[in-house]
């Protein structure tokens, strides 16, 4: 009886771990697709990170390596929102758009 309970617990943990691994793998694939979409529309490849909680997409962070002079901020924000929603196939609770300023010379 104790062996059956232990086996059930191990099986449940294994299935949960597989789902978490699949979620992370899919998330990284979605993030790479967002990076590619935004590079095509802005000319600069951003870094895209994400945060899942209980199967919900909580936050996606889009970080550009520098300020973009070629497009208005509103256009960059719209492109980011559209790419994130399209590639992750759900709208996150929050999208953070950031620009690295680097060391001032």
PDB file of N, CA and C in Angstrom:
ATOM      1  N   UNK A   1       0.825  -1.192   0.000  1.00  0.00           N
ATOM      2  CA  UNK A   1       0.000   0.000   0.000  1.00  0.00           C
ATOM      3  C   UNK A   1       0.873   1.262   0.000  1.00  0.00           C
ATOM      4  N   UNK A   2       1.874   1.286   0.853  1.00  0.00           N
ATOM      5  CA  UNK A   2       2.778   2.422   0.921  1.00  0.00           C
ATOM      6  C   UNK A   2       3.532   2.595  -0.390  1.00  0.00           C
ATOM      7  N   UNK A   3       3.880   1.469  -1.020  1.00  0.00           N
ATOM      8  CA  UNK A   3       4.580   1.517  -2.305  1.00  0.00           C
ATOM      9  C   UNK A   3       3.704   2.171  -3.372  1.00  0.00           C
ATOM     10  N   UNK A   4       2.424   1.855  -3.383  1.00  0.00           N
ATOM     11  CA  UNK A   4       1.496   2.441  -4.361  1.00  0.00           C
ATOM     12  C   UNK A   4       1.377   3.954  -4.176  1.00  0.00           C
ATOM     13  N   UNK A   5       1.309   4.395  -2.944  1.00  0.00           N
ATOM     14  CA  UNK A   5       1.211   5.830  -2.657  1.00  0.00           C
ATOM     15  C   UNK A   5       2.482   6.536  -3.130  1.00  0.00           C
ATOM     16  N   UNK A   6       3.626   5.944  -2.810  1.00  0.00           N
ATOM     17  CA  UNK A   6       4.903   6.535  -3.223  1.00  0.00           C
ATOM     18  C   UNK A   6       4.996   6.583  -4.752  1.00  0.00           C
ATOM     19  N   UNK A   7       4.566   5.519  -5.419  1.00  0.00           N
ATOM     20  CA  UNK A   7       4.606   5.484  -6.883  1.00  0.00           C
ATOM     21  C   UNK A   7       3.683   6.553  -7.472  1.00  0.00           C
ATOM     22  N   UNK A   8       2.522   6.739  -6.875  1.00  0.00           N
ATOM     23  CA  UNK A   8       1.584   7.754  -7.359  1.00  0.00           C
ATOM     24  C   UNK A   8       2.162   9.153  -7.186  1.00  0.00           C
ATOM     25  N   UNK A   9       2.825   9.391  -6.065  1.00  0.00           N
ATOM     26  CA  UNK A   9       3.439  10.696  -5.814  1.00  0.00           C
ATOM     27  C   UNK A   9       4.561  10.955  -6.818  1.00  0.00           C
ATOM     28  N   UNK A  10       5.401   9.961  -7.061  1.00  0.00           N
ATOM     29  CA  UNK A  10       6.493  10.110  -8.022  1.00  0.00           C
ATOM     30  C   UNK A  10       5.936  10.366  -9.420  1.00  0.00           C
ATOM     31  N   UNK A  11       4.905   9.642  -9.806  1.00  0.00           N
ATOM     32  CA  UNK A  11       4.284   9.834 -11.116  1.00  0.00           C
ATOM     33  C   UNK A  11       3.689  11.232 -11.236  1.00  0.00           C
ATOM     34  N   UNK A  12       2.996  11.697 -10.214  1.00  0.00           N
ATOM     35  CA  UNK A  12       2.402  13.034 -10.243  1.00  0.00           C
ATOM     36  C   UNK A  12       3.477  14.108 -10.347  1.00  0.00           C
ATOM     37  N   UNK A  13       4.549  13.965  -9.591  1.00  0.00           N
ATOM     38  CA  UNK A  13       5.646  14.938  -9.670  1.00  0.00           C
ATOM     39  C   UNK A  13       6.309  14.915 -11.043  1.00  0.00           C
ATOM     40  N   UNK A  14       6.453  13.742 -11.601  1.00  0.00           N
ATOM     41  CA  UNK A  14       7.047  13.615 -12.933  1.00  0.00           C
ATOM     42  C   UNK A  14       6.205  14.288 -14.000  1.00  0.00           C
ATOM     43  N   UNK A  15       4.900  14.097 -13.926  1.00  0.00           N
ATOM     44  CA  UNK A  15       4.011  14.730 -14.903  1.00  0.00           C
ATOM     45  C   UNK A  15       4.003  16.241 -14.746  1.00  0.00           C
ATOM     46  N   UNK A  16       4.046  16.713 -13.519  1.00  0.00           N
ATOM     47  CA  UNK A  16       4.089  18.150 -13.268  1.00  0.00           C
ATOM     48  C   UNK A  16       5.382  18.741 -13.797  1.00  0.00           C
ATOM     49  N   UNK A  17       6.478  18.067 -13.584  1.00  0.00           N
ATOM     50  CA  UNK A  17       7.773  18.549 -14.071  1.00  0.00           C
ATOM     51  C   UNK A  17       7.793  18.595 -15.592  1.00  0.00           C
ATOM     52  N   UNK A  18       7.217  17.605 -16.253  1.00  0.00           N
ATOM     53  CA  UNK A  18       7.163  17.604 -17.721  1.00  0.00           C
ATOM     54  C   UNK A  18       6.381  18.805 -18.232  1.00  0.00           C
ATOM     55  N   UNK A  19       5.266  19.098 -17.576  1.00  0.00           N
ATOM     56  CA  UNK A  19       4.448  20.240 -17.996  1.00  0.00           C
ATOM     57  C   UNK A  19       5.215  21.543 -17.809  1.00  0.00           C
ATOM     58  N   UNK A  20       5.944  21.661 -16.719  1.00  0.00           N
ATOM     59  CA  UNK A  20       6.736  22.869 -16.471  1.00  0.00           C
ATOM     60  C   UNK A  20       7.837  23.006 -17.513  1.00  0.00           C
ATOM     61  N   UNK A  21       8.478  21.897 -17.858  1.00  0.00           N
ATOM     62  CA  UNK A  21       9.536  21.930 -18.875  1.00  0.00           C
ATOM     63  C   UNK A  21       8.945  22.319 -20.224  1.00  0.00           C
ATOM     64  N   UNK A  22       7.799  21.747 -20.574  1.00  0.00           N
ATOM     65  CA  UNK A  22       7.152  22.097 -21.847  1.00  0.00           C
ATOM     66  C   UNK A  22       6.758  23.569 -21.880  1.00  0.00           C
ATOM     67  N   UNK A  23       6.243  24.079 -20.779  1.00  0.00           N
ATOM     68  CA  UNK A  23       5.863  25.491 -20.706  1.00  0.00           C
ATOM     69  C   UNK A  23       7.073  26.382 -20.912  1.00  0.00           C
ATOM     70  N   UNK A  24       8.178  26.060 -20.265  1.00  0.00           N
ATOM     71  CA  UNK A  24       9.395  26.859 -20.411  1.00  0.00           C
ATOM     72  C   UNK A  24       9.941  26.768 -21.836  1.00  0.00           C
ATOM     73  N   UNK A  25       9.972  25.566 -22.400  1.00  0.00           N
ATOM     74  CA  UNK A  25      10.468  25.398 -23.770  1.00  0.00           C
ATOM     75  C   UNK A  25       9.609  26.184 -24.740  1.00  0.00           C
ATOM     76  N   UNK A  26       8.304  26.060 -24.616  1.00  0.00           N
ATOM     77  CA  UNK A  26       7.401  26.825 -25.481  1.00  0.00           C
ATOM     78  C   UNK A  26       7.587  28.318 -25.266  1.00  0.00           C
ATOM     79  N   UNK A  27       7.752  28.727 -24.019  1.00  0.00           N
ATOM     80  CA  UNK A  27       7.954  30.139 -23.710  1.00  0.00           C
ATOM     81  C   UNK A  27       9.193  30.693 -24.380  1.00  0.00           C
ATOM     82  N   UNK A  28      10.291  29.935 -24.347  1.00  0.00           N
ATOM     83  CA  UNK A  28      11.522  30.395 -24.998  1.00  0.00           C
ATOM     84  C   UNK A  28      11.336  30.484 -26.510  1.00  0.00           C
ATOM     85  N   UNK A  29      10.614  29.529 -27.078  1.00  0.00           N
ATOM     86  CA  UNK A  29      10.331  29.583 -28.517  1.00  0.00           C
ATOM     87  C   UNK A  29       9.486  30.809 -28.862  1.00  0.00           C
ATOM     88  N   UNK A  30       8.489  31.111 -28.040  1.00  0.00           N
ATOM     89  CA  UNK A  30       7.658  32.296 -28.260  1.00  0.00           C
ATOM     90  C   UNK A  30       8.493  33.570 -28.122  1.00  0.00           C
ATOM     91  N   UNK A  31       9.364  33.608 -27.120  1.00  0.00           N
ATOM     92  CA  UNK A  31      10.206  34.793 -26.904  1.00  0.00           C
ATOM     93  C   UNK A  31      11.118  35.029 -28.103  1.00  0.00           C
ATOM     94  N   UNK A  32      11.716  33.974 -28.632  1.00  0.00           N
ATOM     95  CA  UNK A  32      12.581  34.103 -29.811  1.00  0.00           C
ATOM     96  C   UNK A  32      11.787  34.606 -31.008  1.00  0.00           C
ATOM     97  N   UNK A  33      10.545  34.123 -31.159  1.00  0.00           N
ATOM     98  CA  UNK A  33       9.698  34.573 -32.270  1.00  0.00           C
ATOM     99  C   UNK A  33       9.365  36.063 -32.122  1.00  0.00           C
ATOM    100  N   UNK A  34       9.109  36.523 -30.894  1.00  0.00           N
ATOM    101  CA  UNK A  34       8.842  37.948 -30.651  1.00  0.00           C
ATOM    102  C   UNK A  34      10.083  38.763 -31.007  1.00  0.00           C
ATOM    103  N   UNK A  35      11.257  38.293 -30.603  1.00  0.00           N
ATOM    104  CA  UNK A  35      12.503  38.991 -30.935  1.00  0.00           C
ATOM    105  C   UNK A  35      12.656  39.136 -32.457  1.00  0.00           C
ATOM    106  N   UNK A  36      12.386  38.062 -33.177  1.00  0.00           N
ATOM    107  CA  UNK A  36      12.504  38.086 -34.639  1.00  0.00           C
ATOM    108  C   UNK A  36      11.500  39.054 -35.257  1.00  0.00           C
ATOM    109  N   UNK A  37      10.253  39.015 -34.790  1.00  0.00           N
ATOM    110  CA  UNK A  37       9.209  39.922 -35.304  1.00  0.00           C
ATOM    111  C   UNK A  37       9.595  41.383 -35.072  1.00  0.00           C
ATOM    112  N   UNK A  38      10.066  41.682 -33.861  1.00  0.00           N
ATOM    113  CA  UNK A  38      10.395  43.070 -33.531  1.00  0.00           C
ATOM    114  C   UNK A  38      11.657  43.541 -34.244  1.00  0.00           C
ATOM    115  N   UNK A  39      12.593  42.648 -34.459  1.00  0.00           N
ATOM    116  CA  UNK A  39      13.785  43.028 -35.226  1.00  0.00           C
ATOM    117  C   UNK A  39      13.391  43.398 -36.660  1.00  0.00           C
ATOM    118  N   UNK A  40      12.441  42.655 -37.225  1.00  0.00           N
ATOM    119  CA  UNK A  40      11.979  42.957 -38.579  1.00  0.00           C
ATOM    120  C   UNK A  40      11.261  44.306 -38.641  1.00  0.00           C
ATOM    121  N   UNK A  41      10.513  44.645 -37.593  1.00  0.00           N
ATOM    122  CA  UNK A  41       9.734  45.884 -37.646  1.00  0.00           C
ATOM    123  C   UNK A  41      10.494  47.118 -37.157  1.00  0.00           C
ATOM    124  N   UNK A  42      11.510  46.924 -36.302  1.00  0.00           N
ATOM    125  CA  UNK A  42      12.233  48.086 -35.765  1.00  0.00           C
ATOM    126  C   UNK A  42      13.670  48.190 -36.261  1.00  0.00           C
ATOM    127  N   UNK A  43      14.204  47.093 -36.772  1.00  0.00           N
ATOM    128  CA  UNK A  43      15.589  47.097 -37.222  1.00  0.00           C
ATOM    129  C   UNK A  43      16.591  46.793 -36.128  1.00  0.00           C
ATOM    130  N   UNK A  44      16.134  46.618 -34.906  1.00  0.00           N
ATOM    131  CA  UNK A  44      17.009  46.312 -33.775  1.00  0.00           C
ATOM    132  C   UNK A  44      16.427  45.106 -33.039  1.00  0.00           C
ATOM    133  N   UNK A  45      17.289  44.135 -32.727  1.00  0.00           N
ATOM    134  CA  UNK A  45      16.816  42.933 -32.036  1.00  0.00           C
ATOM    135  C   UNK A  45      16.783  43.169 -30.526  1.00  0.00           C
ATOM    136  N   UNK A  46      15.608  43.035 -29.919  1.00  0.00           N
ATOM    137  CA  UNK A  46      15.511  43.174 -28.458  1.00  0.00           C
ATOM    138  C   UNK A  46      15.751  41.841 -27.761  1.00  0.00           C
ATOM    139  N   UNK A  47      15.866  41.899 -26.455  1.00  0.00           N
ATOM    140  CA  UNK A  47      15.861  40.715 -25.598  1.00  0.00           C
ATOM    141  C   UNK A  47      14.452  40.583 -25.042  1.00  0.00           C
ATOM    142  N   UNK A  48      13.891  39.389 -25.068  1.00  0.00           N
ATOM    143  CA  UNK A  48      12.530  39.190 -24.568  1.00  0.00           C
ATOM    144  C   UNK A  48      12.561  38.169 -23.440  1.00  0.00           C
ATOM    145  N   UNK A  49      12.013  38.555 -22.297  1.00  0.00           N
ATOM    146  CA  UNK A  49      11.875  37.659 -21.156  1.00  0.00           C
ATOM    147  C   UNK A  49      10.407  37.519 -20.801  1.00  0.00           C
ATOM    148  N   UNK A  50      10.083  36.500 -20.030  1.00  0.00           N
ATOM    149  CA  UNK A  50       8.675  36.259 -19.694  1.00  0.00           C
ATOM    150  C   UNK A  50       8.554  35.631 -18.325  1.00  0.00           C
ATOM    151  N   UNK A  51       7.349  35.727 -17.765  1.00  0.00           N
ATOM    152  CA  UNK A  51       7.062  35.170 -16.449  1.00  0.00           C
ATOM    153  C   UNK A  51       5.689  34.515 -16.496  1.00  0.00           C
ATOM    154  N   UNK A  52       5.656  33.213 -16.262  1.00  0.00           N
ATOM    155  CA  UNK A  52       4.404  32.454 -16.202  1.00  0.00           C
ATOM    156  C   UNK A  52       4.094  32.153 -14.748  1.00  0.00           C
ATOM    157  N   UNK A  53       2.830  32.137 -14.390  1.00  0.00           N
ATOM    158  CA  UNK A  53       2.402  31.712 -13.056  1.00  0.00           C
ATOM    159  C   UNK A  53       1.067  30.992 -13.187  1.00  0.00           C
ATOM    160  N   UNK A  54       1.044  29.758 -12.778  1.00  0.00           N
ATOM    161  CA  UNK A  54      -0.179  28.946 -12.818  1.00  0.00           C
ATOM    162  C   UNK A  54      -0.824  28.929 -14.197  1.00  0.00           C
ATOM    163  N   UNK A  55       0.007  28.796 -15.230  1.00  0.00           N
ATOM    164  CA  UNK A  55      -0.516  28.710 -16.588  1.00  0.00           C
ATOM    165  C   UNK A  55      -0.911  30.038 -17.205  1.00  0.00           C
ATOM    166  N   UNK A  56      -0.704  31.135 -16.480  1.00  0.00           N
ATOM    167  CA  UNK A  56      -1.023  32.474 -16.999  1.00  0.00           C
ATOM    168  C   UNK A  56       0.265  33.185 -17.349  1.00  0.00           C
ATOM    169  N   UNK A  57       0.220  33.926 -18.428  1.00  0.00           N
ATOM    170  CA  UNK A  57       1.350  34.752 -18.802  1.00  0.00           C
ATOM    171  C   UNK A  57       1.242  36.050 -18.009  1.00  0.00           C
ATOM    172  N   UNK A  58       2.093  36.199 -17.013  1.00  0.00           N
ATOM    173  CA  UNK A  58       1.997  37.335 -16.105  1.00  0.00           C
ATOM    174  C   UNK A  58       2.665  38.565 -16.697  1.00  0.00           C
ATOM    175  N   UNK A  59       3.897  38.400 -17.186  1.00  0.00           N
ATOM    176  CA  UNK A  59       4.625  39.569 -17.681  1.00  0.00           C
ATOM    177  C   UNK A  59       5.579  39.168 -18.795  1.00  0.00           C
ATOM    178  N   UNK A  60       5.689  40.036 -19.789  1.00  0.00           N
ATOM    179  CA  UNK A  60       6.697  39.903 -20.835  1.00  0.00           C
ATOM    180  C   UNK A  60       7.497  41.194 -20.835  1.00  0.00           C
ATOM    181  N   UNK A  61       8.823  41.057 -20.821  1.00  0.00           N
ATOM    182  CA  UNK A  61       9.712  42.207 -20.829  1.00  0.00           C
ATOM    183  C   UNK A  61      10.457  42.242 -22.155  1.00  0.00           C
ATOM    184  N   UNK A  62      10.363  43.360 -22.850  1.00  0.00           N
ATOM    185  CA  UNK A  62      11.049  43.568 -24.116  1.00  0.00           C
ATOM    186  C   UNK A  62      12.100  44.652 -23.872  1.00  0.00           C
ATOM    187  N   UNK A  63      13.378  44.271 -23.960  1.00  0.00           N
ATOM    188  CA  UNK A  63      14.467  45.200 -23.673  1.00  0.00           C
ATOM    189  C   UNK A  63      15.321  45.406 -24.919  1.00  0.00           C
ATOM    190  N   UNK A  64      15.360  46.634 -25.374  1.00  0.00           N
ATOM    191  CA  UNK A  64      16.213  46.986 -26.512  1.00  0.00           C
ATOM    192  C   UNK A  64      17.592  47.379 -25.996  1.00  0.00           C
ATOM    193  N   UNK A  65      18.653  47.104 -26.770  1.00  0.00           N
ATOM    194  CA  UNK A  65      20.011  47.409 -26.315  1.00  0.00           C
ATOM    195  C   UNK A  65      20.348  48.900 -26.324  1.00  0.00           C
ATOM    196  N   UNK A  66      19.496  49.701 -26.950  1.00  0.00           N
ATOM    197  CA  UNK A  66      19.706  51.150 -26.993  1.00  0.00           C
ATOM    198  C   UNK A  66      18.391  51.829 -27.337  1.00  0.00           C
ATOM    199  N   UNK A  67      18.364  53.140 -27.224  1.00  0.00           N
ATOM    200  CA  UNK A  67      17.181  53.905 -27.634  1.00  0.00           C
ATOM    201  C   UNK A  67      17.014  53.785 -29.141  1.00  0.00           C
ATOM    202  N   UNK A  68      15.779  53.776 -29.585  1.00  0.00           N
ATOM    203  CA  UNK A  68      15.495  53.684 -31.015  1.00  0.00           C
ATOM    204  C   UNK A  68      15.127  55.068 -31.534  1.00  0.00           C
ATOM    205  N   UNK A  69      15.961  55.612 -32.384  1.00  0.00           N
ATOM    206  CA  UNK A  69      15.706  56.935 -32.947  1.00  0.00           C
ATOM    207  C   UNK A  69      14.857  56.866 -34.208  1.00  0.00           C
ATOM    208  N   UNK A  70      14.772  55.678 -34.803  1.00  0.00           N
ATOM    209  CA  UNK A  70      14.110  55.543 -36.097  1.00  0.00           C
ATOM    210  C   UNK A  70      12.585  55.499 -36.017  1.00  0.00           C
ATOM    211  N   UNK A  71      12.035  55.195 -34.847  1.00  0.00           N
ATOM    212  CA  UNK A  71      10.577  55.073 -34.706  1.00  0.00           C
ATOM    213  C   UNK A  71      10.102  55.788 -33.451  1.00  0.00           C
ATOM    214  N   UNK A  72       8.902  56.347 -33.514  1.00  0.00           N
ATOM    215  CA  UNK A  72       8.320  56.926 -32.291  1.00  0.00           C
ATOM    216  C   UNK A  72       8.045  55.832 -31.254  1.00  0.00           C
ATOM    217  N   UNK A  73       8.153  56.203 -30.002  1.00  0.00           N
ATOM    218  CA  UNK A  73       7.951  55.252 -28.913  1.00  0.00           C
ATOM    219  C   UNK A  73       6.590  54.566 -29.000  1.00  0.00           C
ATOM    220  N   UNK A  74       5.559  55.317 -29.373  1.00  0.00           N
ATOM    221  CA  UNK A  74       4.213  54.740 -29.470  1.00  0.00           C
ATOM    222  C   UNK A  74       4.180  53.615 -30.507  1.00  0.00           C
ATOM    223  N   UNK A  75       4.894  53.785 -31.631  1.00  0.00           N
ATOM    224  CA  UNK A  75       4.937  52.742 -32.660  1.00  0.00           C
ATOM    225  C   UNK A  75       5.690  51.506 -32.170  1.00  0.00           C
ATOM    226  N   UNK A  76       6.758  51.721 -31.421  1.00  0.00           N
ATOM    227  CA  UNK A  76       7.525  50.605 -30.866  1.00  0.00           C
ATOM    228  C   UNK A  76       6.666  49.848 -29.853  1.00  0.00           C
ATOM    229  N   UNK A  77       5.939  50.572 -29.020  1.00  0.00           N
ATOM    230  CA  UNK A  77       5.066  49.940 -28.025  1.00  0.00           C
ATOM    231  C   UNK A  77       3.956  49.134 -28.695  1.00  0.00           C
ATOM    232  N   UNK A  78       3.369  49.676 -29.735  1.00  0.00           N
ATOM    233  CA  UNK A  78       2.314  48.957 -30.464  1.00  0.00           C
ATOM    234  C   UNK A  78       2.874  47.693 -31.106  1.00  0.00           C
ATOM    235  N   UNK A  79       4.054  47.803 -31.723  1.00  0.00           N
ATOM    236  CA  UNK A  79       4.682  46.636 -32.351  1.00  0.00           C
ATOM    237  C   UNK A  79       4.985  45.561 -31.309  1.00  0.00           C
ATOM    238  N   UNK A  80       5.463  45.981 -30.131  1.00  0.00           N
ATOM    239  CA  UNK A  80       5.765  45.027 -29.062  1.00  0.00           C
ATOM    240  C   UNK A  80       4.495  44.328 -28.580  1.00  0.00           C
ATOM    241  N   UNK A  81       3.446  45.093 -28.346  1.00  0.00           N
ATOM    242  CA  UNK A  81       2.178  44.513 -27.884  1.00  0.00           C
ATOM    243  C   UNK A  81       1.631  43.515 -28.906  1.00  0.00           C
ATOM    244  N   UNK A  82       1.656  43.905 -30.182  1.00  0.00           N
ATOM    245  CA  UNK A  82       1.137  43.030 -31.238  1.00  0.00           C
ATOM    246  C   UNK A  82       1.951  41.742 -31.359  1.00  0.00           C
ATOM    247  N   UNK A  83       3.283  41.863 -31.325  1.00  0.00           N
ATOM    248  CA  UNK A  83       4.145  40.682 -31.451  1.00  0.00           C
ATOM    249  C   UNK A  83       3.992  39.743 -30.261  1.00  0.00           C
ATOM    250  N   UNK A  84       3.936  40.300 -29.057  1.00  0.00           N
ATOM    251  CA  UNK A  84       3.797  39.472 -27.856  1.00  0.00           C
ATOM    252  C   UNK A  84       2.471  38.718 -27.881  1.00  0.00           C
ATOM    253  N   UNK A  85       1.395  39.423 -28.184  1.00  0.00           N
ATOM    254  CA  UNK A  85       0.074  38.787 -28.211  1.00  0.00           C
ATOM    255  C   UNK A  85      -0.001  37.712 -29.292  1.00  0.00           C
ATOM    256  N   UNK A  86       0.577  37.995 -30.441  1.00  0.00           N
ATOM    257  CA  UNK A  86       0.547  37.034 -31.557  1.00  0.00           C
ATOM    258  C   UNK A  86       1.370  35.785 -31.244  1.00  0.00           C
ATOM    259  N   UNK A  87       2.590  35.963 -30.799  1.00  0.00           N
ATOM    260  CA  UNK A  87       3.495  34.830 -30.630  1.00  0.00           C
ATOM    261  C   UNK A  87       3.221  34.016 -29.371  1.00  0.00           C
ATOM    262  N   UNK A  88       2.857  34.664 -28.261  1.00  0.00           N
ATOM    263  CA  UNK A  88       2.555  33.919 -27.043  1.00  0.00           C
ATOM    264  C   UNK A  88       1.123  33.378 -27.053  1.00  0.00           C
ATOM    265  N   UNK A  89       0.318  33.839 -27.994  1.00  0.00           N
ATOM    266  CA  UNK A  89      -1.073  33.399 -28.156  1.00  0.00           C
ATOM    267  C   UNK A  89      -1.943  33.680 -26.935  1.00  0.00           C
ATOM    268  N   UNK A  90      -1.537  34.665 -26.148  1.00  0.00           N
ATOM    269  CA  UNK A  90      -2.354  35.188 -25.066  1.00  0.00           C
ATOM    270  C   UNK A  90      -1.796  36.546 -24.677  1.00  0.00           C
ATOM    271  N   UNK A  91      -2.641  37.358 -24.089  1.00  0.00           N
ATOM    272  CA  UNK A  91      -2.219  38.690 -23.685  1.00  0.00           C
ATOM    273  C   UNK A  91      -1.732  38.632 -22.245  1.00  0.00           C
ATOM    274  N   UNK A  92      -0.490  39.049 -21.994  1.00  0.00           N
ATOM    275  CA  UNK A  92       0.001  39.031 -20.615  1.00  0.00           C
ATOM    276  C   UNK A  92      -0.666  40.118 -19.784  1.00  0.00           C
ATOM    277  N   UNK A  93      -0.575  39.962 -18.480  1.00  0.00           N
ATOM    278  CA  UNK A  93      -1.112  40.990 -17.596  1.00  0.00           C
ATOM    279  C   UNK A  93      -0.347  42.298 -17.761  1.00  0.00           C
ATOM    280  N   UNK A  94       0.938  42.192 -18.111  1.00  0.00           N
ATOM    281  CA  UNK A  94       1.751  43.391 -18.239  1.00  0.00           C
ATOM    282  C   UNK A  94       2.849  43.157 -19.272  1.00  0.00           C
ATOM    283  N   UNK A  95       3.128  44.180 -20.069  1.00  0.00           N
ATOM    284  CA  UNK A  95       4.267  44.173 -20.984  1.00  0.00           C
ATOM    285  C   UNK A  95       5.159  45.340 -20.573  1.00  0.00           C
ATOM    286  N   UNK A  96       6.422  45.034 -20.304  1.00  0.00           N
ATOM    287  CA  UNK A  96       7.390  46.059 -19.925  1.00  0.00           C
ATOM    288  C   UNK A  96       8.293  46.303 -21.124  1.00  0.00           C
ATOM    289  N   UNK A  97       8.370  47.543 -21.548  1.00  0.00           N
ATOM    290  CA  UNK A  97       9.224  47.945 -22.662  1.00  0.00           C
ATOM    291  C   UNK A  97      10.377  48.752 -22.076  1.00  0.00           C
ATOM    292  N   UNK A  98      11.619  48.297 -22.332  1.00  0.00           N
ATOM    293  CA  UNK A  98      12.786  48.940 -21.720  1.00  0.00           C
ATOM    294  C   UNK A  98      13.872  49.196 -22.759  1.00  0.00           C
ATOM    295  N   UNK A  99      14.728  50.153 -22.436  1.00  0.00           N
ATOM    296  CA  UNK A  99      15.859  50.497 -23.294  1.00  0.00           C
ATOM    297  C   UNK A  99      17.101  50.590 -22.414  1.00  0.00           C
ATOM    298  N   UNK A 100      18.166  49.880 -22.793  1.00  0.00           N
ATOM    299  CA  UNK A 100      19.428  49.961 -22.060  1.00  0.00           C
ATOM    300  C   UNK A 100      20.132  51.239 -22.486  1.00  0.00           C
ATOM    301  N   UNK A 101      20.547  52.044 -21.532  1.00  0.00           N
ATOM    302  CA  UNK A 101      21.188  53.317 -21.835  1.00  0.00           C
ATOM    303  C   UNK A 101      22.710  53.181 -21.908  1.00  0.00           C
ATOM    304  N   UNK A 102      23.249  52.150 -21.322  1.00  0.00           N
ATOM    305  CA  UNK A 102      24.693  51.950 -21.373  1.00  0.00           C
ATOM    306  C   UNK A 102      25.447  52.968 -20.543  1.00  0.00           C
ATOM    307  N   UNK A 103      26.756  52.837 -20.563  1.00  0.00           N
ATOM    308  CA  UNK A 103      27.622  53.728 -19.806  1.00  0.00           C
ATOM    309  C   UNK A 103      27.782  55.041 -20.561  1.00  0.00           C
ATOM    310  N   UNK A 104      27.633  56.128 -19.850  1.00  0.00           N
ATOM    311  CA  UNK A 104      27.740  57.440 -20.487  1.00  0.00           C
ATOM    312  C   UNK A 104      29.209  57.777 -20.683  1.00  0.00           C
ATOM    313  N   UNK A 105      29.554  58.249 -21.881  1.00  0.00           N
ATOM    314  CA  UNK A 105      30.976  58.547 -22.145  1.00  0.00           C
ATOM    315  C   UNK A 105      31.323  59.983 -21.888  1.00  0.00           C
TER     316      UNK A 105
END
